[in-house]
Amino acid sequence: MSLILPYEKIWDMPLGGTSDERQAPHWAGNLIWGFLVFVFKICFRYRVDNRESIRGFDKESGVVVVANHTSFLDVAFMYLATRPQQWLRFMGRESLFDNAHGLVGQILSRVGAFPVKRDSADRTAIKRATRMLKNDEIVGILPEGTRRGKGTKTPEIHSGAAFVAKMGKAPILPMTVRNAENVKRKGERLRFPKITIEYGNPLLVEDFDFLPKEDRLEGCTWYAMRECFALSLRVPREQVDMPALFPGGRDFTAVFEEHPVPEHTTAEVVAGIRAKRAAKAEVSAVPAGERS
């Protein structure tokens, strides 16, 4: 049992999934999960709705989980919602890992997180995320990049989530952590509202191929974020005012009104993945000289 491991070693080890390689140590992540479950159940009485949307991918496929970002607690609840059956490999900004003389980095790494450089095309992070997805792991991404309503930065949607999903040949699963923004508001005392974590239905990157090539990743991530806000606000997706939420960004509302995106359940997506694997296995079983 290794008490201290270099960050990079943990980031590059599988955690869950279906790889036969040596797994990252589970003991610290399990202790942290147990502690957080105990505290958060008492303080926030949280529940998880539609958890079958994420459970259905276990050992079947990698999946990119995306959520809107309103609180520093979002990541903790995203992590708790997947455990104990599955692990969430959260993509977090690089500066977090150096806090408290590296202690925060050790904790984050032990629960499955790995760093990404903000405002840049971080090829190393993309390669790690792609490898995790191909190992049937879960990668968590917050496309807004920063907490909404915190600081002076204008909210924007980063299309990296769709790019990672495309590279890893994985679906995207929208989710939300409802009420976490009410735990601590500026100038107000600490509160303990009831928290609800809710998953939506998966999206397939290829369903956005009707868009011009240069717009596909942006449009896909935009649509996924609209799904997250629909879950958060508990309204139909068409009632989410995306221009108000992202005043500086492109609005795809009219595009998706004209070209509705197919809706899928996790069971349907997994059935399609199994069918593709079976077809590929049949082709591989046929001698090369006999293939048409």
C-alpha atoms as a PDB file:
ATOM      1  CA  MET A   1       0.000   0.000   0.000  1.00  0.00           C
ATOM      2  CA  SER A   2       1.638   3.248  -1.182  1.00  0.00           C
ATOM      3  CA  LEU A   3       1.090   6.245   1.057  1.00  0.00           C
ATOM      4  CA  ILE A   4       2.687   8.759  -1.307  1.00  0.00           C
ATOM      5  CA  LEU A   5       2.903   8.415  -5.074  1.00  0.00           C
ATOM      6  CA  PRO A   6       3.994  11.021  -7.630  1.00  0.00           C
ATOM      7  CA  TYR A   7       1.001  12.820  -9.099  1.00  0.00           C
ATOM      8  CA  GLU A   8       1.863  11.858 -12.659  1.00  0.00           C
ATOM      9  CA  LYS A   9       1.952   8.166 -11.814  1.00  0.00           C
ATOM     10  CA  ILE A  10      -1.573   8.254 -10.374  1.00  0.00           C
ATOM     11  CA  TRP A  11      -2.922  10.290 -13.295  1.00  0.00           C
ATOM     12  CA  ASP A  12      -1.689   7.709 -15.768  1.00  0.00           C
ATOM     13  CA  MET A  13      -2.990   4.655 -13.889  1.00  0.00           C
ATOM     14  CA  PRO A  14      -6.484   3.283 -14.566  1.00  0.00           C
ATOM     15  CA  LEU A  15      -9.133   3.736 -11.882  1.00  0.00           C
ATOM     16  CA  GLY A  16     -12.089   1.481 -12.492  1.00  0.00           C
ATOM     17  CA  GLY A  17     -12.924   0.668 -16.087  1.00  0.00           C
ATOM     18  CA  THR A  18     -11.862  -2.507 -17.840  1.00  0.00           C
ATOM     19  CA  SER A  19      -8.083  -2.173 -18.220  1.00  0.00           C
ATOM     20  CA  ASP A  20      -5.889  -5.089 -17.157  1.00  0.00           C
ATOM     21  CA  GLU A  21      -3.122  -2.703 -16.079  1.00  0.00           C
ATOM     22  CA  ARG A  22      -2.337  -2.069 -12.426  1.00  0.00           C
ATOM     23  CA  GLN A  23      -5.016   0.161 -10.886  1.00  0.00           C
ATOM     24  CA  ALA A  24      -4.352   3.348  -8.957  1.00  0.00           C
ATOM     25  CA  PRO A  25      -4.583   2.651  -5.194  1.00  0.00           C
ATOM     26  CA  HIS A  26      -8.211   2.703  -4.027  1.00  0.00           C
ATOM     27  CA  TRP A  27      -7.777   2.955  -0.261  1.00  0.00           C
ATOM     28  CA  ALA A  28      -7.434   6.748   0.022  1.00  0.00           C
ATOM     29  CA  GLY A  29     -10.288   7.401  -2.384  1.00  0.00           C
ATOM     30  CA  ASN A  30     -12.492   4.998  -0.453  1.00  0.00           C
ATOM     31  CA  LEU A  31     -11.677   6.689   2.873  1.00  0.00           C
ATOM     32  CA  ILE A  32     -12.399  10.140   1.427  1.00  0.00           C
ATOM     33  CA  TRP A  33     -15.637   8.893  -0.111  1.00  0.00           C
ATOM     34  CA  GLY A  34     -16.781   7.332   3.166  1.00  0.00           C
ATOM     35  CA  PHE A  35     -16.042  10.524   5.113  1.00  0.00           C
ATOM     36  CA  LEU A  36     -17.805  12.779   2.596  1.00  0.00           C
ATOM     37  CA  VAL A  37     -20.857  10.522   2.384  1.00  0.00           C
ATOM     38  CA  PHE A  38     -21.239  10.605   6.177  1.00  0.00           C
ATOM     39  CA  VAL A  39     -20.848  14.393   6.456  1.00  0.00           C
ATOM     40  CA  PHE A  40     -22.808  15.381   3.349  1.00  0.00           C
ATOM     41  CA  LYS A  41     -25.723  13.050   4.085  1.00  0.00           C
ATOM     42  CA  ILE A  42     -26.122  14.679   7.492  1.00  0.00           C
ATOM     43  CA  CYS A  43     -25.565  18.260   6.314  1.00  0.00           C
ATOM     44  CA  PHE A  44     -27.299  18.261   2.924  1.00  0.00           C
ATOM     45  CA  ARG A  45     -29.517  15.142   2.886  1.00  0.00           C
ATOM     46  CA  TYR A  46     -28.561  14.752  -0.747  1.00  0.00           C
ATOM     47  CA  ARG A  47     -30.148  12.348  -3.175  1.00  0.00           C
ATOM     48  CA  VAL A  48     -29.326  11.204  -6.723  1.00  0.00           C
ATOM     49  CA  ASP A  49     -32.048  11.112  -9.373  1.00  0.00           C
ATOM     50  CA  ASN A  50     -31.876   9.056 -12.587  1.00  0.00           C
ATOM     51  CA  ARG A  51     -28.649   7.392 -11.453  1.00  0.00           C
ATOM     52  CA  GLU A  52     -29.352   4.519 -13.831  1.00  0.00           C
ATOM     53  CA  SER A  53     -28.192   6.829 -16.632  1.00  0.00           C
ATOM     54  CA  ILE A  54     -24.616   6.602 -15.334  1.00  0.00           C
ATOM     55  CA  ARG A  55     -24.792   3.084 -13.885  1.00  0.00           C
ATOM     56  CA  GLY A  56     -25.733   1.619 -17.260  1.00  0.00           C
ATOM     57  CA  PHE A  57     -22.305   2.503 -18.675  1.00  0.00           C
ATOM     58  CA  ASP A  58     -20.403   0.573 -15.997  1.00  0.00           C
ATOM     59  CA  LYS A  59     -17.944  -1.824 -17.675  1.00  0.00           C
ATOM     60  CA  GLU A  60     -19.704  -1.122 -21.002  1.00  0.00           C
ATOM     61  CA  SER A  61     -18.345   2.198 -22.228  1.00  0.00           C
ATOM     62  CA  GLY A  62     -16.494   5.312 -21.240  1.00  0.00           C
ATOM     63  CA  VAL A  63     -18.633   8.420 -20.812  1.00  0.00           C
ATOM     64  CA  VAL A  64     -17.972  12.155 -20.491  1.00  0.00           C
ATOM     65  CA  VAL A  65     -20.087  13.625 -17.680  1.00  0.00           C
ATOM     66  CA  VAL A  66     -20.711  17.378 -17.974  1.00  0.00           C
ATOM     67  CA  ALA A  67     -22.443  19.771 -15.580  1.00  0.00           C
ATOM     68  CA  ASN A  68     -23.115  23.447 -15.038  1.00  0.00           C
ATOM     69  CA  HIS A  69     -20.874  25.034 -12.396  1.00  0.00           C
ATOM     70  CA  THR A  70     -22.396  27.121  -9.599  1.00  0.00           C
ATOM     71  CA  SER A  71     -20.467  26.103  -6.481  1.00  0.00           C
ATOM     72  CA  PHE A  72     -17.124  24.773  -5.259  1.00  0.00           C
ATOM     73  CA  LEU A  73     -19.129  21.791  -3.952  1.00  0.00           C
ATOM     74  CA  ASP A  74     -20.256  20.685  -7.439  1.00  0.00           C
ATOM     75  CA  VAL A  75     -17.199  18.491  -7.925  1.00  0.00           C
ATOM     76  CA  ALA A  76     -17.630  16.770  -4.557  1.00  0.00           C
ATOM     77  CA  PHE A  77     -21.260  15.903  -5.287  1.00  0.00           C
ATOM     78  CA  MET A  78     -20.396  14.734  -8.812  1.00  0.00           C
ATOM     79  CA  TYR A  79     -17.827  12.411  -7.244  1.00  0.00           C
ATOM     80  CA  LEU A  80     -20.187  11.109  -4.563  1.00  0.00           C
ATOM     81  CA  ALA A  81     -22.942  10.428  -7.092  1.00  0.00           C
ATOM     82  CA  THR A  82     -20.815   7.910  -9.009  1.00  0.00           C
ATOM     83  CA  ARG A  83     -19.430   6.003  -6.018  1.00  0.00           C
ATOM     84  CA  PRO A  84     -19.046   3.365  -4.739  1.00  0.00           C
ATOM     85  CA  GLN A  85     -19.681   1.398  -7.924  1.00  0.00           C
ATOM     86  CA  GLN A  86     -17.872   3.757 -10.305  1.00  0.00           C
ATOM     87  CA  TRP A  87     -15.075   6.346 -10.181  1.00  0.00           C
ATOM     88  CA  LEU A  88     -15.148   9.834 -11.670  1.00  0.00           C
ATOM     89  CA  ARG A  89     -11.910  11.004 -13.319  1.00  0.00           C
ATOM     90  CA  PHE A  90     -12.447  14.746 -12.931  1.00  0.00           C
ATOM     91  CA  MET A  91     -10.540  17.151 -15.164  1.00  0.00           C
ATOM     92  CA  GLY A  92      -9.567  20.075 -12.884  1.00  0.00           C
ATOM     93  CA  ARG A  93      -7.557  23.203 -13.464  1.00  0.00           C
ATOM     94  CA  GLU A  94      -3.836  22.740 -12.972  1.00  0.00           C
ATOM     95  CA  SER A  95      -3.407  25.380 -10.229  1.00  0.00           C
ATOM     96  CA  LEU A  96      -5.629  23.413  -7.819  1.00  0.00           C
ATOM     97  CA  PHE A  97      -3.064  20.641  -7.511  1.00  0.00           C
ATOM     98  CA  ASP A  98      -0.405  22.867  -5.916  1.00  0.00           C
ATOM     99  CA  ASN A  99      -2.580  24.207  -3.092  1.00  0.00           C
ATOM    100  CA  ALA A 100      -1.579  23.525   0.538  1.00  0.00           C
ATOM    101  CA  HIS A 101       1.969  22.595  -0.505  1.00  0.00           C
ATOM    102  CA  GLY A 102       0.687  19.804  -2.739  1.00  0.00           C
ATOM    103  CA  LEU A 103      -1.678  18.192  -0.210  1.00  0.00           C
ATOM    104  CA  VAL A 104      -4.731  19.175  -2.277  1.00  0.00           C
ATOM    105  CA  GLY A 105      -3.080  17.681  -5.351  1.00  0.00           C
ATOM    106  CA  GLN A 106      -2.461  14.398  -3.541  1.00  0.00           C
ATOM    107  CA  ILE A 107      -6.105  14.265  -2.389  1.00  0.00           C
ATOM    108  CA  LEU A 108      -7.499  15.162  -5.806  1.00  0.00           C
ATOM    109  CA  SER A 109      -5.272  12.623  -7.522  1.00  0.00           C
ATOM    110  CA  ARG A 110      -6.278   9.878  -5.082  1.00  0.00           C
ATOM    111  CA  VAL A 111      -9.969  10.346  -5.874  1.00  0.00           C
ATOM    112  CA  GLY A 112      -9.256  10.202  -9.608  1.00  0.00           C
ATOM    113  CA  ALA A 113      -8.802  13.816 -10.706  1.00  0.00           C
ATOM    114  CA  PHE A 114      -6.138  14.983 -13.147  1.00  0.00           C
ATOM    115  CA  PRO A 115      -5.051  18.485 -14.257  1.00  0.00           C
ATOM    116  CA  VAL A 116      -5.708  20.537 -17.357  1.00  0.00           C
ATOM    117  CA  LYS A 117      -4.135  23.851 -18.300  1.00  0.00           C
ATOM    118  CA  ARG A 118      -6.771  26.563 -18.618  1.00  0.00           C
ATOM    119  CA  ASP A 119      -7.220  28.589 -21.807  1.00  0.00           C
ATOM    120  CA  SER A 120      -4.951  26.331 -23.837  1.00  0.00           C
ATOM    121  CA  ALA A 121      -5.070  23.149 -25.896  1.00  0.00           C
ATOM    122  CA  ASP A 122      -3.588  20.827 -23.275  1.00  0.00           C
ATOM    123  CA  ARG A 123      -2.613  17.806 -25.363  1.00  0.00           C
ATOM    124  CA  THR A 124      -1.385  15.832 -22.366  1.00  0.00           C
ATOM    125  CA  ALA A 125      -4.730  16.201 -20.556  1.00  0.00           C
ATOM    126  CA  ILE A 126      -6.630  15.311 -23.739  1.00  0.00           C
ATOM    127  CA  LYS A 127      -4.522  12.174 -24.238  1.00  0.00           C
ATOM    128  CA  ARG A 128      -5.109  11.122 -20.620  1.00  0.00           C
ATOM    129  CA  ALA A 129      -8.859  11.683 -20.904  1.00  0.00           C
ATOM    130  CA  THR A 130      -9.015   9.795 -24.208  1.00  0.00           C
ATOM    131  CA  ARG A 131      -7.145   6.832 -22.734  1.00  0.00           C
ATOM    132  CA  MET A 132      -9.499   6.795 -19.734  1.00  0.00           C
ATOM    133  CA  LEU A 133     -12.573   6.766 -21.960  1.00  0.00           C
ATOM    134  CA  LYS A 134     -11.205   3.939 -24.094  1.00  0.00           C
ATOM    135  CA  ASN A 135     -10.684   2.069 -20.812  1.00  0.00           C
ATOM    136  CA  ASP A 136     -14.439   2.507 -20.128  1.00  0.00           C
ATOM    137  CA  GLU A 137     -13.844   5.057 -17.353  1.00  0.00           C
ATOM    138  CA  ILE A 138     -15.861   8.192 -16.545  1.00  0.00           C
ATOM    139  CA  VAL A 139     -14.340  11.600 -17.269  1.00  0.00           C
ATOM    140  CA  GLY A 140     -15.951  14.626 -15.593  1.00  0.00           C
ATOM    141  CA  ILE A 141     -15.739  18.077 -17.197  1.00  0.00           C
ATOM    142  CA  LEU A 142     -17.255  21.455 -16.287  1.00  0.00           C
ATOM    143  CA  PRO A 143     -17.429  23.218 -19.688  1.00  0.00           C
ATOM    144  CA  GLU A 144     -17.956  26.670 -18.138  1.00  0.00           C
ATOM    145  CA  GLY A 145     -14.481  26.402 -16.627  1.00  0.00           C
ATOM    146  CA  THR A 146     -15.295  28.564 -13.600  1.00  0.00           C
ATOM    147  CA  ARG A 147     -18.094  29.007 -11.092  1.00  0.00           C
ATOM    148  CA  ARG A 148     -21.015  31.025 -12.401  1.00  0.00           C
ATOM    149  CA  GLY A 149     -21.499  34.333 -10.589  1.00  0.00           C
ATOM    150  CA  LYS A 150     -18.043  34.223  -8.974  1.00  0.00           C
ATOM    151  CA  GLY A 151     -15.506  36.848  -9.979  1.00  0.00           C
ATOM    152  CA  THR A 152     -15.641  39.088 -13.026  1.00  0.00           C
ATOM    153  CA  LYS A 153     -15.158  36.488 -15.747  1.00  0.00           C
ATOM    154  CA  THR A 154     -17.967  36.324 -18.308  1.00  0.00           C
ATOM    155  CA  PRO A 155     -19.462  32.822 -18.547  1.00  0.00           C
ATOM    156  CA  GLU A 156     -18.551  30.963 -21.731  1.00  0.00           C
ATOM    157  CA  ILE A 157     -18.797  27.436 -23.085  1.00  0.00           C
ATOM    158  CA  HIS A 158     -15.577  25.609 -23.888  1.00  0.00           C
ATOM    159  CA  SER A 159     -15.995  22.890 -26.519  1.00  0.00           C
ATOM    160  CA  GLY A 160     -13.315  20.620 -25.027  1.00  0.00           C
ATOM    161  CA  ALA A 161     -15.928  18.230 -23.615  1.00  0.00           C
ATOM    162  CA  ALA A 162     -17.210  17.320 -27.070  1.00  0.00           C
ATOM    163  CA  PHE A 163     -13.668  17.066 -28.425  1.00  0.00           C
ATOM    164  CA  VAL A 164     -12.628  14.663 -25.659  1.00  0.00           C
ATOM    165  CA  ALA A 165     -15.804  12.595 -26.192  1.00  0.00           C
ATOM    166  CA  LYS A 166     -15.094  12.420 -29.924  1.00  0.00           C
ATOM    167  CA  MET A 167     -11.477  11.370 -29.392  1.00  0.00           C
ATOM    168  CA  GLY A 168     -12.492   8.746 -26.835  1.00  0.00           C
ATOM    169  CA  LYS A 169     -15.474   7.564 -28.921  1.00  0.00           C
ATOM    170  CA  ALA A 170     -17.709   8.048 -25.893  1.00  0.00           C
ATOM    171  CA  PRO A 171     -21.167   9.514 -25.260  1.00  0.00           C
ATOM    172  CA  ILE A 172     -21.756  12.681 -23.256  1.00  0.00           C
ATOM    173  CA  LEU A 173     -23.973  12.575 -20.159  1.00  0.00           C
ATOM    174  CA  PRO A 174     -25.411  15.889 -18.861  1.00  0.00           C
ATOM    175  CA  MET A 175     -26.061  16.282 -15.145  1.00  0.00           C
ATOM    176  CA  THR A 176     -26.613  18.976 -12.546  1.00  0.00           C
ATOM    177  CA  VAL A 177     -26.072  19.582  -8.823  1.00  0.00           C
ATOM    178  CA  ARG A 178     -29.143  21.495  -7.718  1.00  0.00           C
ATOM    179  CA  ASN A 179     -29.050  23.927  -4.772  1.00  0.00           C
ATOM    180  CA  ALA A 180     -25.289  23.808  -4.126  1.00  0.00           C
ATOM    181  CA  GLU A 181     -25.042  27.525  -4.944  1.00  0.00           C
ATOM    182  CA  ASN A 182     -27.175  28.234  -1.869  1.00  0.00           C
ATOM    183  CA  VAL A 183     -24.707  26.721   0.603  1.00  0.00           C
ATOM    184  CA  LYS A 184     -22.635  29.904   0.813  1.00  0.00           C
ATOM    185  CA  ARG A 185     -23.684  33.165  -0.779  1.00  0.00           C
ATOM    186  CA  LYS A 186     -21.469  36.217  -0.583  1.00  0.00           C
ATOM    187  CA  GLY A 187     -22.122  38.166   2.604  1.00  0.00           C
ATOM    188  CA  GLU A 188     -24.445  35.509   4.019  1.00  0.00           C
ATOM    189  CA  ARG A 189     -24.008  32.810   6.630  1.00  0.00           C
ATOM    190  CA  LEU A 190     -23.402  29.180   5.798  1.00  0.00           C
ATOM    191  CA  ARG A 191     -26.563  27.262   4.942  1.00  0.00           C
ATOM    192  CA  PHE A 192     -27.366  23.565   4.622  1.00  0.00           C
ATOM    193  CA  PRO A 193     -30.015  23.185   1.891  1.00  0.00           C
ATOM    194  CA  LYS A 194     -31.169  19.835   0.576  1.00  0.00           C
ATOM    195  CA  ILE A 195     -29.057  18.959  -2.477  1.00  0.00           C
ATOM    196  CA  THR A 196     -30.287  16.998  -5.491  1.00  0.00           C
ATOM    197  CA  ILE A 197     -27.943  15.509  -8.080  1.00  0.00           C
ATOM    198  CA  GLU A 198     -29.710  14.612 -11.313  1.00  0.00           C
ATOM    199  CA  TYR A 199     -28.507  12.911 -14.481  1.00  0.00           C
ATOM    200  CA  GLY A 200     -30.075  13.469 -17.883  1.00  0.00           C
ATOM    201  CA  ASN A 201     -29.953  11.257 -20.957  1.00  0.00           C
ATOM    202  CA  PRO A 202     -26.802  10.641 -23.008  1.00  0.00           C
ATOM    203  CA  LEU A 203     -25.863  12.471 -26.202  1.00  0.00           C
ATOM    204  CA  LEU A 204     -23.876  11.090 -29.122  1.00  0.00           C
ATOM    205  CA  VAL A 205     -21.329  13.349 -30.794  1.00  0.00           C
ATOM    206  CA  GLU A 206     -22.156  11.870 -34.203  1.00  0.00           C
ATOM    207  CA  ASP A 207     -25.752  13.131 -33.887  1.00  0.00           C
ATOM    208  CA  PHE A 208     -24.349  16.612 -34.526  1.00  0.00           C
ATOM    209  CA  ASP A 209     -22.758  15.727 -37.854  1.00  0.00           C
ATOM    210  CA  PHE A 210     -25.475  17.687 -39.688  1.00  0.00           C
ATOM    211  CA  LEU A 211     -23.718  20.862 -38.523  1.00  0.00           C
ATOM    212  CA  PRO A 212     -20.851  22.325 -40.551  1.00  0.00           C
ATOM    213  CA  LYS A 213     -17.609  20.632 -39.516  1.00  0.00           C
ATOM    214  CA  GLU A 214     -16.261  23.771 -37.837  1.00  0.00           C
ATOM    215  CA  ASP A 215     -19.416  24.090 -35.684  1.00  0.00           C
ATOM    216  CA  ARG A 216     -19.957  20.484 -34.563  1.00  0.00           C
ATOM    217  CA  LEU A 217     -17.960  20.439 -31.336  1.00  0.00           C
ATOM    218  CA  GLU A 218     -19.187  23.855 -30.240  1.00  0.00           C
ATOM    219  CA  GLY A 219     -22.788  22.990 -31.105  1.00  0.00           C
ATOM    220  CA  CYS A 220     -22.594  19.647 -29.320  1.00  0.00           C
ATOM    221  CA  THR A 221     -21.201  21.184 -26.118  1.00  0.00           C
ATOM    222  CA  TRP A 222     -23.742  24.029 -26.308  1.00  0.00           C
ATOM    223  CA  TYR A 223     -26.565  21.480 -26.542  1.00  0.00           C
ATOM    224  CA  ALA A 224     -25.148  19.453 -23.646  1.00  0.00           C
ATOM    225  CA  MET A 225     -24.957  22.570 -21.484  1.00  0.00           C
ATOM    226  CA  ARG A 226     -28.536  23.467 -22.336  1.00  0.00           C
ATOM    227  CA  GLU A 227     -29.505  19.983 -21.107  1.00  0.00           C
ATOM    228  CA  CYS A 228     -27.616  20.661 -17.850  1.00  0.00           C
ATOM    229  CA  PHE A 229     -29.439  23.949 -17.281  1.00  0.00           C
ATOM    230  CA  ALA A 230     -32.783  22.338 -18.125  1.00  0.00           C
ATOM    231  CA  LEU A 231     -32.108  19.817 -15.361  1.00  0.00           C
ATOM    232  CA  SER A 232     -30.929  22.545 -12.995  1.00  0.00           C
ATOM    233  CA  LEU A 233     -33.930  24.822 -13.594  1.00  0.00           C
ATOM    234  CA  ARG A 234     -36.363  21.903 -13.985  1.00  0.00           C
ATOM    235  CA  VAL A 235     -37.753  23.242 -17.250  1.00  0.00           C
ATOM    236  CA  PRO A 236     -37.995  21.862 -20.820  1.00  0.00           C
ATOM    237  CA  ARG A 237     -34.779  22.444 -22.788  1.00  0.00           C
ATOM    238  CA  GLU A 238     -36.576  24.901 -25.092  1.00  0.00           C
ATOM    239  CA  GLN A 239     -37.256  27.209 -22.141  1.00  0.00           C
ATOM    240  CA  VAL A 240     -33.578  27.619 -21.225  1.00  0.00           C
ATOM    241  CA  ASP A 241     -32.469  31.131 -22.204  1.00  0.00           C
ATOM    242  CA  MET A 242     -28.959  30.358 -23.411  1.00  0.00           C
ATOM    243  CA  PRO A 243     -28.222  33.884 -24.756  1.00  0.00           C
ATOM    244  CA  ALA A 244     -28.903  35.256 -21.261  1.00  0.00           C
ATOM    245  CA  LEU A 245     -26.712  32.602 -19.643  1.00  0.00           C
ATOM    246  CA  PHE A 246     -23.884  33.050 -22.171  1.00  0.00           C
ATOM    247  CA  PRO A 247     -24.234  36.607 -23.500  1.00  0.00           C
ATOM    248  CA  GLY A 248     -20.946  36.538 -25.387  1.00  0.00           C
ATOM    249  CA  GLY A 249     -21.406  33.161 -27.027  1.00  0.00           C
ATOM    250  CA  ARG A 250     -23.043  31.850 -30.154  1.00  0.00           C
ATOM    251  CA  ASP A 251     -26.714  30.906 -29.965  1.00  0.00           C
ATOM    252  CA  PHE A 252     -27.678  27.584 -31.593  1.00  0.00           C
ATOM    253  CA  THR A 253     -31.354  27.715 -30.558  1.00  0.00           C
ATOM    254  CA  ALA A 254     -32.739  28.254 -34.060  1.00  0.00           C
ATOM    255  CA  VAL A 255     -30.434  25.579 -35.514  1.00  0.00           C
ATOM    256  CA  PHE A 256     -31.711  22.883 -33.158  1.00  0.00           C
ATOM    257  CA  GLU A 257     -35.328  23.955 -33.650  1.00  0.00           C
ATOM    258  CA  GLU A 258     -34.867  23.228 -37.341  1.00  0.00           C
ATOM    259  CA  HIS A 259     -32.813  20.044 -36.780  1.00  0.00           C
ATOM    260  CA  PRO A 260     -33.983  18.250 -33.602  1.00  0.00           C
ATOM    261  CA  VAL A 261     -31.298  16.075 -32.041  1.00  0.00           C
ATOM    262  CA  PRO A 262     -32.288  12.399 -31.473  1.00  0.00           C
ATOM    263  CA  GLU A 263     -32.995  11.425 -27.877  1.00  0.00           C
ATOM    264  CA  HIS A 264     -31.389   8.305 -26.418  1.00  0.00           C
ATOM    265  CA  THR A 265     -31.495   6.345 -23.191  1.00  0.00           C
ATOM    266  CA  THR A 266     -28.385   4.802 -21.699  1.00  0.00           C
ATOM    267  CA  ALA A 267     -29.774   1.335 -22.430  1.00  0.00           C
ATOM    268  CA  GLU A 268     -30.156   2.217 -26.122  1.00  0.00           C
ATOM    269  CA  VAL A 269     -26.649   3.675 -26.355  1.00  0.00           C
ATOM    270  CA  VAL A 270     -25.110   0.647 -24.628  1.00  0.00           C
ATOM    271  CA  ALA A 271     -27.056  -1.719 -26.915  1.00  0.00           C
ATOM    272  CA  GLY A 272     -25.600   0.119 -29.907  1.00  0.00           C
ATOM    273  CA  ILE A 273     -22.078  -0.153 -28.483  1.00  0.00           C
ATOM    274  CA  ARG A 274     -22.511  -3.887 -27.903  1.00  0.00           C
ATOM    275  CA  ALA A 275     -23.788  -4.354 -31.455  1.00  0.00           C
ATOM    276  CA  LYS A 276     -20.768  -2.530 -32.904  1.00  0.00           C
ATOM    277  CA  ARG A 277     -18.389  -4.643 -30.813  1.00  0.00           C
ATOM    278  CA  ALA A 278     -20.123  -7.850 -31.899  1.00  0.00           C
ATOM    279  CA  ALA A 279     -19.946  -6.837 -35.556  1.00  0.00           C
ATOM    280  CA  LYS A 280     -16.272  -5.953 -35.223  1.00  0.00           C
ATOM    281  CA  ALA A 281     -15.575  -9.316 -33.542  1.00  0.00           C
ATOM    282  CA  GLU A 282     -17.327 -11.163 -36.376  1.00  0.00           C
ATOM    283  CA  VAL A 283     -15.215  -9.360 -38.985  1.00  0.00           C
ATOM    284  CA  SER A 284     -12.022 -10.088 -37.042  1.00  0.00           C
ATOM    285  CA  ALA A 285     -12.938 -13.775 -36.872  1.00  0.00           C
ATOM    286  CA  VAL A 286     -13.101 -14.059 -40.670  1.00  0.00           C
ATOM    287  CA  PRO A 287      -9.717 -14.844 -42.272  1.00  0.00           C
ATOM    288  CA  ALA A 288      -8.304 -11.831 -44.118  1.00  0.00           C
ATOM    289  CA  GLY A 289      -8.373 -13.620 -47.462  1.00  0.00           C
ATOM    290  CA  GLU A 290     -12.111 -14.350 -47.167  1.00  0.00           C
ATOM    291  CA  ARG A 291     -13.233 -10.800 -46.378  1.00  0.00           C
ATOM    292  CA  SER A 292     -15.161  -9.134 -49.191  1.00  0.00           C
END
